[in-house]
Protein backbone atom coordinates (compact mmCIF):
# COMPACT_ATOMS: atom_id res chain seq x y z
CA UNK A 1 158.17 89.58 -56.84
CA UNK A 2 156.39 92.53 -55.23
CA UNK A 3 159.73 94.14 -54.41
CA UNK A 4 160.87 93.74 -58.00
CA UNK A 5 157.67 95.32 -59.31
CA UNK A 6 158.00 98.16 -56.84
CA UNK A 7 161.62 98.66 -57.85
CA UNK A 8 160.69 98.61 -61.53
CA UNK A 9 157.95 101.15 -60.90
CA UNK A 10 160.40 103.45 -59.10
CA UNK A 11 162.90 103.11 -61.94
CA UNK A 12 160.24 103.96 -64.52
CA UNK A 13 159.13 106.99 -62.51
CA UNK A 14 162.72 108.21 -62.23
CA UNK A 15 163.24 107.73 -65.96
CA UNK A 16 160.03 109.63 -66.69
CA UNK A 17 161.07 112.46 -64.39
CA UNK A 18 164.52 112.69 -65.93
CA UNK A 19 163.32 112.33 -69.51
CA UNK A 20 162.20 115.92 -70.00
CA UNK A 21 165.21 117.74 -68.51
CA UNK A 22 167.57 115.38 -70.34
CA UNK A 23 165.63 115.94 -73.55
CA UNK A 24 165.96 119.69 -72.98
CA UNK A 25 169.72 119.28 -73.05
CA UNK A 26 169.55 117.36 -76.31
CA UNK A 27 166.65 119.03 -78.13
CA UNK A 28 167.07 122.65 -77.17
CA UNK A 29 164.58 125.22 -78.50
CA UNK A 30 165.80 127.81 -80.95
CA UNK A 31 168.02 130.23 -78.97
CA UNK A 32 166.30 133.51 -78.18
CA UNK A 33 167.59 136.67 -79.82
CA UNK A 34 164.89 138.96 -78.40
CA UNK A 35 167.51 141.20 -76.80
CA UNK A 36 170.80 140.31 -78.48
CA UNK A 37 169.59 140.77 -82.07
CA UNK A 38 169.74 144.55 -81.75
CA UNK A 39 172.18 144.91 -78.86
CA UNK A 40 175.37 146.94 -79.11
CA UNK A 41 178.32 147.96 -76.98
CA UNK A 42 178.59 146.63 -73.45
CA UNK A 43 175.05 145.32 -73.63
CA UNK A 44 175.87 142.62 -76.21
CA UNK A 45 177.32 140.15 -73.70
CA UNK A 46 174.60 140.87 -71.15
CA UNK A 47 171.85 140.51 -73.77
CA UNK A 48 173.11 137.07 -74.75
CA UNK A 49 173.00 135.95 -71.11
CA UNK A 50 169.51 137.35 -70.59
CA UNK A 51 168.32 135.78 -73.84
CA UNK A 52 169.64 132.38 -72.77
CA UNK A 53 168.52 132.40 -69.15
CA UNK A 54 165.63 134.88 -68.80
CA UNK A 55 163.95 135.65 -72.12
CA UNK A 56 161.67 132.61 -72.16
CA UNK A 57 159.51 134.11 -69.39
CA UNK A 58 160.45 137.80 -69.62
CA UNK A 59 159.90 138.52 -73.32
CA UNK A 60 156.91 137.86 -75.56
CA UNK A 61 156.92 135.39 -78.43
CA UNK A 62 160.08 133.55 -77.43
CA UNK A 63 160.71 129.97 -78.58
CA UNK A 64 159.41 127.39 -76.09
CA UNK A 65 160.64 123.87 -75.29
CA UNK A 66 159.19 120.97 -77.28
CA UNK A 67 156.93 119.83 -74.42
CA UNK A 68 155.22 123.24 -74.09
CA UNK A 69 152.23 121.99 -76.05
CA UNK A 70 151.55 119.05 -73.75
CA UNK A 71 148.24 119.35 -71.82
CA UNK A 72 149.58 119.97 -68.31
CA UNK A 73 152.87 121.57 -69.27
CA UNK A 74 151.26 124.17 -71.54
CA UNK A 75 149.18 125.63 -68.71
CA UNK A 76 152.09 125.73 -66.28
CA UNK A 77 154.45 127.30 -68.81
CA UNK A 78 151.93 129.91 -69.93
CA UNK A 79 151.26 130.88 -66.31
CA UNK A 80 155.00 131.28 -65.72
CA UNK A 81 155.33 133.47 -68.81
CA UNK A 82 152.38 135.65 -67.75
CA UNK A 83 153.89 136.05 -64.30
CA UNK A 84 157.31 136.81 -65.73
CA UNK A 85 155.96 139.51 -68.02
CA UNK A 86 153.87 140.99 -65.21
CA UNK A 87 157.03 141.36 -63.14
CA UNK A 88 159.39 142.56 -65.87
CA UNK A 89 159.18 142.61 -69.65
CA UNK A 90 162.85 142.86 -70.56
CA UNK A 91 162.29 143.81 -74.19
CA UNK A 92 159.92 146.70 -73.49
CA UNK A 93 162.22 147.97 -70.74
CA UNK A 94 164.95 148.64 -73.30
CA UNK A 95 165.16 151.77 -75.38
CA UNK A 96 166.49 152.07 -78.92
CA UNK A 97 169.86 152.77 -77.35
CA UNK A 98 169.91 149.12 -76.28
CA UNK A 99 170.67 149.10 -72.63
CA UNK A 100 171.68 152.68 -72.03
CA UNK A 101 168.00 153.56 -71.73
CA UNK A 102 167.15 150.71 -69.40
CA UNK A 103 164.83 152.07 -66.75
CA UNK A 104 165.92 152.48 -63.15
CA UNK A 105 163.34 149.95 -61.92
CA UNK A 106 164.50 147.39 -64.50
CA UNK A 107 168.09 147.83 -63.34
CA UNK A 108 167.01 147.53 -59.71
CA UNK A 109 164.91 144.43 -60.41
CA UNK A 110 167.70 142.66 -62.25
CA UNK A 111 170.18 143.58 -59.52
CA UNK A 112 167.87 142.45 -56.70
CA UNK A 113 167.00 139.19 -58.41
CA UNK A 114 170.65 138.27 -58.90
CA UNK A 115 171.77 139.32 -55.43
CA UNK A 116 168.91 137.39 -53.83
CA UNK A 117 169.47 134.42 -56.18
CA UNK A 118 165.76 134.35 -57.00
CA UNK A 119 166.00 133.68 -60.72
CA UNK A 120 165.72 131.47 -62.63
CA UNK A 121 163.20 129.85 -60.26
CA UNK A 122 163.67 126.32 -58.94
CA UNK A 123 160.90 124.71 -61.10
CA UNK A 124 162.55 126.13 -64.21
CA UNK A 125 165.97 124.83 -63.18
CA UNK A 126 164.49 121.42 -62.47
CA UNK A 127 163.56 121.20 -66.14
CA UNK A 128 166.51 123.15 -67.55
CA UNK A 129 169.69 121.89 -65.95
CA UNK A 130 171.83 124.38 -67.83
CA UNK A 131 169.54 127.31 -66.97
CA UNK A 132 171.28 128.63 -63.85
CA UNK A 133 173.32 131.81 -63.97
CA UNK A 134 177.00 131.14 -63.37
CA UNK A 135 179.06 133.29 -61.02
CA UNK A 136 180.79 134.94 -63.95
CA UNK A 137 177.46 135.64 -65.67
CA UNK A 138 176.09 137.21 -62.50
CA UNK A 139 179.18 139.40 -62.20
CA UNK A 140 178.93 140.44 -65.84
CA UNK A 141 175.31 141.53 -65.39
CA UNK A 142 175.89 143.31 -62.07
CA UNK A 143 178.92 145.16 -63.45
CA UNK A 144 176.82 146.27 -66.39
CA UNK A 145 173.99 147.42 -64.09
CA UNK A 146 176.48 149.53 -62.11
CA UNK A 147 177.94 151.01 -65.31
CA UNK A 148 174.55 151.94 -66.78
CA UNK A 149 173.45 153.39 -63.46
CA UNK A 150 176.64 155.46 -63.29
CA UNK A 151 176.28 156.75 -66.84
CA UNK A 152 172.57 157.44 -66.99
CA UNK A 153 170.91 157.53 -63.59
CA UNK A 154 173.36 158.64 -60.92
CA UNK A 155 172.51 162.02 -59.42
CA UNK A 156 176.18 162.93 -59.14
CA UNK A 157 176.00 164.08 -55.54
CA UNK A 158 175.90 160.78 -53.64
CA UNK A 159 178.82 159.72 -51.48
CA UNK A 160 181.04 157.10 -53.11
CA UNK A 161 179.67 154.37 -50.85
CA UNK A 162 176.14 155.07 -52.14
CA UNK A 163 177.05 155.68 -55.78
CA UNK A 164 175.53 152.37 -56.93
CA UNK A 165 172.42 152.48 -54.76
CA UNK A 166 169.01 152.03 -56.40
CA UNK A 167 167.94 155.21 -54.58
CA UNK A 168 169.77 158.46 -55.25
CA UNK A 169 169.66 161.88 -53.55
CA UNK A 170 167.73 164.76 -55.04
CA UNK A 171 169.51 167.07 -57.47
CA UNK A 172 171.22 169.93 -55.69
CA UNK A 173 169.56 172.52 -57.96
CA UNK A 174 166.32 172.60 -59.93
CA UNK A 175 167.79 174.63 -62.80
CA UNK A 176 164.57 176.46 -63.70
CA UNK A 177 164.16 180.05 -64.92
CA UNK A 178 163.30 182.07 -61.78
CA UNK A 179 161.11 184.58 -63.61
CA UNK A 180 158.96 181.92 -65.27
CA UNK A 181 158.90 179.87 -62.06
CA UNK A 182 157.63 182.87 -60.07
CA UNK A 183 154.93 183.45 -62.66
CA UNK A 184 154.06 179.76 -62.52
CA UNK A 185 153.71 180.03 -58.75
CA UNK A 186 151.05 182.69 -59.28
CA UNK A 187 149.26 180.59 -61.90
CA UNK A 188 149.42 177.55 -59.62
CA UNK A 189 147.40 179.56 -57.09
CA UNK A 190 145.20 181.29 -59.71
CA UNK A 191 141.49 180.64 -59.06
CA UNK A 192 140.43 182.24 -62.35
CA UNK A 193 141.49 179.02 -64.07
CA UNK A 194 138.34 177.43 -62.63
CA UNK A 195 134.82 177.94 -63.91
CA UNK A 196 133.50 179.58 -60.74
CA UNK A 197 136.73 181.30 -59.60
CA UNK A 198 136.99 179.19 -56.44
CA UNK A 199 139.59 176.55 -57.27
CA UNK A 200 143.27 176.57 -58.17
CA UNK A 201 145.91 173.88 -58.60
CA UNK A 202 146.76 174.42 -54.94
CA UNK A 203 143.23 173.44 -53.91
CA UNK A 204 144.06 169.78 -54.51
CA UNK A 205 147.84 170.08 -54.23
CA UNK A 206 148.42 172.22 -51.16
CA UNK A 207 152.08 172.92 -50.54
CA UNK A 208 151.27 172.98 -46.84
CA UNK A 209 149.87 169.44 -47.08
CA UNK A 210 152.70 167.64 -48.80
CA UNK A 211 151.53 168.69 -52.26
CA UNK A 212 148.15 166.99 -51.77
CA UNK A 213 144.84 167.82 -50.09
CA UNK A 214 145.16 164.91 -47.61
CA UNK A 215 141.71 163.73 -48.68
CA UNK A 216 140.70 160.38 -50.11
CA UNK A 217 139.19 162.13 -53.12
CA UNK A 218 139.37 165.78 -54.10
CA UNK A 219 136.41 168.16 -54.17
CA UNK A 220 135.99 169.95 -57.47
CA UNK A 221 133.70 172.61 -58.87
CA UNK A 222 130.15 172.67 -57.49
CA UNK A 223 131.37 170.36 -54.70
CA UNK A 224 131.66 167.43 -57.08
CA UNK A 225 133.82 164.57 -55.81
CA UNK A 226 136.51 162.86 -57.81
CA UNK A 227 137.04 159.11 -57.50
CA UNK A 228 140.83 158.83 -57.46
CA UNK A 229 143.38 160.07 -54.96
CA UNK A 230 145.31 163.23 -55.88
CA UNK A 231 149.06 162.50 -56.10
CA UNK A 232 151.57 164.90 -54.60
CA UNK A 233 152.91 167.68 -56.80
CA UNK A 234 156.16 167.83 -54.82
CA UNK A 235 159.16 166.43 -56.74
CA UNK A 236 156.81 165.75 -59.66
CA UNK A 237 159.38 167.08 -62.11
CA UNK A 238 161.43 163.94 -61.48
CA UNK A 239 158.68 161.62 -62.70
CA UNK A 240 158.52 160.22 -66.21
CA UNK A 241 154.75 160.69 -66.58
CA UNK A 242 151.85 162.17 -64.63
CA UNK A 243 148.53 160.88 -63.27
CA UNK A 244 148.13 157.37 -61.89
CA UNK A 245 147.60 156.02 -65.40
CA UNK A 246 150.41 158.07 -66.94
CA UNK A 247 148.15 159.73 -69.49
CA UNK A 248 150.16 162.97 -69.36
CA UNK A 249 153.75 162.56 -70.59
CA UNK A 250 154.88 165.95 -69.24
CA UNK A 251 154.01 168.43 -66.52
CA UNK A 252 152.83 170.80 -69.24
CA UNK A 253 150.35 168.20 -70.48
CA UNK A 254 149.25 167.48 -66.93
CA UNK A 255 148.50 171.17 -66.32
CA UNK A 256 146.10 171.09 -69.26
CA UNK A 257 143.88 168.40 -67.72
CA UNK A 258 142.21 169.87 -64.62
CA UNK A 259 141.14 173.11 -66.32
CA UNK A 260 139.09 171.17 -68.86
CA UNK A 261 137.82 168.52 -66.47
CA UNK A 262 134.12 169.13 -65.68
CA UNK A 263 134.50 167.55 -62.24
CA UNK A 264 137.70 169.39 -61.28
CA UNK A 265 137.97 173.02 -62.42
CA UNK A 266 135.02 172.85 -64.80
CA UNK A 267 136.29 175.39 -67.29
CA UNK A 268 138.15 175.57 -70.61
CA UNK A 269 141.06 177.60 -71.89
CA UNK A 270 138.94 180.02 -73.89
CA UNK A 271 136.99 180.96 -70.79
CA UNK A 272 140.05 181.06 -68.54
CA UNK A 273 142.06 183.16 -70.99
CA UNK A 274 139.28 185.73 -71.26
CA UNK A 275 139.46 186.28 -67.50
CA UNK A 276 143.25 186.38 -67.39
CA UNK A 277 143.50 188.81 -70.33
CA UNK A 278 141.25 191.20 -68.44
CA UNK A 279 143.94 191.43 -65.74
CA UNK A 280 146.60 193.93 -66.81
CA UNK A 281 149.19 192.67 -64.33
CA UNK A 282 148.87 189.10 -65.61
CA UNK A 283 149.19 190.18 -69.25
CA UNK A 284 152.28 192.28 -68.48
CA UNK A 285 153.89 189.49 -66.48
CA UNK A 286 153.52 187.03 -69.36
CA UNK A 287 154.81 189.56 -71.89
CA UNK A 288 157.97 189.89 -69.81
CA UNK A 289 158.38 186.14 -69.36
CA UNK A 290 157.46 184.86 -72.86
CA UNK A 291 158.07 186.33 -76.33
CA UNK A 292 154.48 185.55 -77.37
CA UNK A 293 152.95 186.67 -74.10
CA UNK A 294 149.82 185.23 -72.51
CA UNK A 295 148.68 181.99 -74.15
CA UNK A 296 147.24 178.76 -72.77
CA UNK A 297 150.49 177.01 -73.65
CA UNK A 298 152.52 179.57 -71.71
CA UNK A 299 150.25 179.31 -68.68
CA UNK A 300 150.81 175.56 -68.71
CA UNK A 301 154.54 176.04 -69.25
CA UNK A 302 154.81 178.46 -66.34
CA UNK A 303 152.96 176.09 -64.00
CA UNK A 304 155.18 173.20 -65.11
CA UNK A 305 158.30 175.29 -64.56
CA UNK A 306 157.16 176.17 -61.05
CA UNK A 307 156.37 172.54 -60.29
CA UNK A 308 159.90 171.54 -61.34
CA UNK A 309 161.23 173.77 -58.57
CA UNK A 310 159.32 171.83 -55.91
CA UNK A 311 162.24 169.72 -54.70
CA UNK A 312 162.10 168.75 -51.03
CA UNK A 313 165.50 167.59 -49.73
CA UNK A 314 165.32 165.44 -46.60
CA UNK A 315 167.59 163.99 -43.95
CA UNK A 316 167.86 160.88 -46.09
CA UNK A 317 169.42 162.93 -48.89
CA UNK A 318 172.04 164.16 -46.46
CA UNK A 319 172.68 160.55 -45.44
CA UNK A 320 173.22 159.52 -49.07
CA UNK A 321 175.59 162.44 -49.47
CA UNK A 322 177.75 161.09 -46.67
CA UNK A 323 176.37 162.54 -43.41
CA UNK A 324 176.19 159.24 -41.54
CA UNK A 325 174.92 160.73 -38.27
CA UNK A 326 171.69 162.32 -39.57
CA UNK A 327 169.66 159.10 -39.45
CA UNK A 328 168.88 156.96 -36.42
CA UNK A 329 169.83 153.29 -36.26
CA UNK A 330 166.19 152.37 -36.84
CA UNK A 331 165.98 154.56 -39.94
CA UNK A 332 169.18 153.07 -41.38
CA UNK A 333 167.96 149.54 -40.66
CA UNK A 334 164.65 150.54 -42.21
CA UNK A 335 166.40 151.51 -45.44
CA UNK A 336 168.13 148.13 -45.51
CA UNK A 337 164.77 146.41 -44.91
CA UNK A 338 163.25 148.58 -47.65
CA UNK A 339 165.77 147.08 -50.05
CA UNK A 340 165.54 143.56 -48.60
CA UNK A 341 161.78 143.37 -49.24
CA UNK A 342 162.27 144.60 -52.82
CA UNK A 343 160.59 147.97 -52.22
CA UNK A 344 163.51 149.69 -53.95
CA UNK A 345 163.00 147.72 -57.15
CA UNK A 346 160.04 149.99 -57.99
CA UNK A 347 160.49 152.91 -55.59
CA UNK A 348 163.94 153.79 -56.84
CA UNK A 349 165.75 156.75 -58.36
CA UNK A 350 165.88 160.20 -56.82
CA UNK A 351 162.08 160.38 -56.47
CA UNK A 352 161.76 156.86 -54.99
CA UNK A 353 159.18 156.12 -57.64
CA UNK A 354 157.56 157.80 -60.60
CA UNK A 355 159.69 156.05 -63.22
CA UNK A 356 157.71 152.95 -64.21
CA UNK A 357 154.28 151.36 -64.42
CA UNK A 358 153.90 148.29 -62.23
CA UNK A 359 151.13 145.75 -61.75
CA UNK A 360 149.30 146.03 -58.43
CA UNK A 361 148.70 142.57 -57.02
CA UNK A 362 151.72 140.53 -58.15
CA UNK A 363 151.69 138.32 -55.06
CA UNK A 364 148.14 138.75 -53.74
CA UNK A 365 144.91 140.32 -54.95
CA UNK A 366 144.69 143.99 -53.96
CA UNK A 367 141.13 144.42 -55.23
CA UNK A 368 139.44 141.55 -53.35
CA UNK A 369 138.20 143.88 -50.61
CA UNK A 370 135.98 145.82 -53.00
CA UNK A 371 132.23 145.39 -53.15
CA UNK A 372 130.50 145.21 -56.51
CA UNK A 373 132.05 145.68 -59.92
CA UNK A 374 135.62 147.00 -60.32
CA UNK A 375 135.78 150.73 -60.98
CA UNK A 376 137.38 152.36 -64.00
CA UNK A 377 140.07 153.91 -61.79
CA UNK A 378 141.23 150.39 -60.87
CA UNK A 379 142.09 149.63 -64.49
CA UNK A 380 145.18 151.81 -64.25
CA UNK A 381 147.30 152.14 -67.38
CA UNK A 382 144.79 150.03 -69.31
CA UNK A 383 142.51 153.08 -69.51
CA UNK A 384 145.14 154.74 -71.71
CA UNK A 385 146.51 151.85 -73.77
CA UNK A 386 143.58 149.38 -73.88
CA UNK A 387 146.27 146.70 -73.62
CA UNK A 388 145.14 143.83 -71.38
CA UNK A 389 148.66 143.50 -70.02
CA UNK A 390 148.29 147.00 -68.56
CA UNK A 391 145.20 146.12 -66.51
CA UNK A 392 145.81 147.08 -62.84
CA UNK A 393 149.19 148.56 -63.80
CA UNK A 394 149.80 151.98 -62.25
CA UNK A 395 152.51 154.57 -62.32
CA UNK A 396 154.55 153.96 -59.19
CA UNK A 397 154.06 156.93 -56.82
CA UNK A 398 156.95 158.79 -55.26
CA UNK A 399 157.53 157.97 -51.59
CA UNK A 400 159.07 161.32 -50.74
CA UNK A 401 157.09 163.05 -47.98
CA UNK A 402 154.94 159.92 -47.70
CA UNK A 403 154.42 160.61 -43.99
CA UNK A 404 152.24 163.62 -44.85
CA UNK A 405 150.75 162.66 -48.24
CA UNK A 406 148.06 160.37 -46.83
CA UNK A 407 145.73 158.74 -47.64
CA UNK A 408 147.57 156.14 -49.70
CA UNK A 409 147.08 154.21 -52.94
CA UNK A 410 145.14 155.30 -56.01
CA UNK A 411 141.89 154.71 -54.12
CA UNK A 412 142.99 156.50 -50.94
CA UNK A 413 141.99 153.41 -49.00
CA UNK A 414 144.10 153.96 -45.88
CA UNK A 415 145.73 156.82 -44.00
CA UNK A 416 147.77 154.46 -41.82
CA UNK A 417 151.34 154.32 -43.14
CA UNK A 418 152.09 151.04 -41.37
CA UNK A 419 148.99 149.48 -42.87
CA UNK A 420 150.04 150.74 -46.31
CA UNK A 421 153.46 149.10 -45.93
CA UNK A 422 151.83 145.83 -44.87
CA UNK A 423 149.49 145.94 -47.86
CA UNK A 424 152.33 146.56 -50.27
CA UNK A 425 154.40 143.72 -48.85
CA UNK A 426 151.41 141.38 -49.00
CA UNK A 427 150.59 142.29 -52.60
CA UNK A 428 154.02 142.98 -54.08
CA UNK A 429 156.95 141.68 -52.02
CA UNK A 430 158.52 138.27 -52.69
CA UNK A 431 158.71 137.55 -48.96
CA UNK A 432 156.37 138.00 -45.96
CA UNK A 433 157.22 140.81 -43.57
CA UNK A 434 157.28 140.86 -39.77
CA UNK A 435 155.82 143.63 -37.61
CA UNK A 436 159.32 144.55 -36.49
CA UNK A 437 160.56 145.02 -40.06
CA UNK A 438 157.37 146.90 -40.94
CA UNK A 439 158.11 149.36 -38.14
CA UNK A 440 161.67 149.78 -39.41
CA UNK A 441 160.49 150.56 -42.93
CA UNK A 442 157.97 153.08 -41.56
CA UNK A 443 160.79 154.74 -39.61
CA UNK A 444 162.85 154.97 -42.79
CA UNK A 445 159.93 156.36 -44.79
CA UNK A 446 159.46 159.15 -42.26
CA UNK A 447 163.07 160.21 -42.88
CA UNK A 448 161.95 161.11 -46.42
CA UNK A 449 159.86 164.04 -45.15
CA UNK A 450 161.73 167.01 -46.54
CA UNK A 451 161.99 170.76 -46.54
CA UNK A 452 160.53 173.33 -48.87
CA UNK A 453 161.90 176.86 -48.98
CA UNK A 454 163.98 176.03 -45.92
CA UNK A 455 160.96 175.01 -43.84
CA UNK A 456 160.30 171.47 -42.65
CA UNK A 457 157.16 170.05 -44.21
């Protein structure tokens, strides 16, 4: 009798376990059209696959299964959706061109996830037996990723074997007007832009220090201290926005900020222009470079033009262009480890970063080490958008010249590159990293130290 009761109990448990996934096959939620409703061209087929297999957790407002309102299930499902959106919001990653504007990080994330067979996750598949990506669906998506990358993101100077890499070499030329760039160089080093004539852009972005000041926080006018680390200005023209929170959409807009900041240059354009207009050589130089001469907008434009010339080609660029002998075995293995640990899903493109906002602390809490209340700088993109989903989301920094742009992170919390790699893997990577692989990635990162004006940085 006891055996029969035990057997009956087991049968009932099995039936209960199977009930939901079987019901999912019978009572399917309304198919998602979050991506496919406006898709066109090659993206149509891909959008339908992503809608069917990914949209539930990677788009907002998608239809949920019938059991999503149950007490336990609702919490689990909502947590999965929050995590999915934190990692990648597919809908917001698409432009109006429907797929052709998909960001480099989104392409890299989709590619990595499929190649590593990480999505859909096992718990999801346990409840949705038809949720797995088929081999043909994976191929369709990967072929599309390669096509979009070729059409919109490839630098055009990578060797064929690296044409579909998430990381691309720097452009061969900067393409900027040499006259305006030379004038911008002078303005970049012009101390009269500051209130007390002691500070220039170069004070916090020294070209001899990797485009930074190699300080945790920069010292501004009257020896005031900032509270956020100064990013490098090198290769900044390749980034889609400026500042850690992305509040400046262009280099021109970025150049406007420090002059007006009371902690940085402590001036304003009226005051700065009065000093510059008193200098005959400056006035004449702007009259030659711009039809309307010396204006605040033209000062900003000249600085931005100069900054777009600050490309720093490295040995790694030569490697991507086909020179296989310029990197050591450790550096090459480090690049492979860099991709294996998903570093290249965010630090991609020709700048190895600077083309997306990502949440800091996807896998572990980055901010736990802090004492007291969180600081405003830690809010990241939220400070600009006031969108809760942007809390702790930062513009991904470029990794070029990372060896010499210490200290690292928005809070400048460490100058140890190996420690920075460990922290990133702990907080962001889907897999734990060994000391040996950490050393390999550090070796690779050092190969990104480039040249400027023919001189090694």
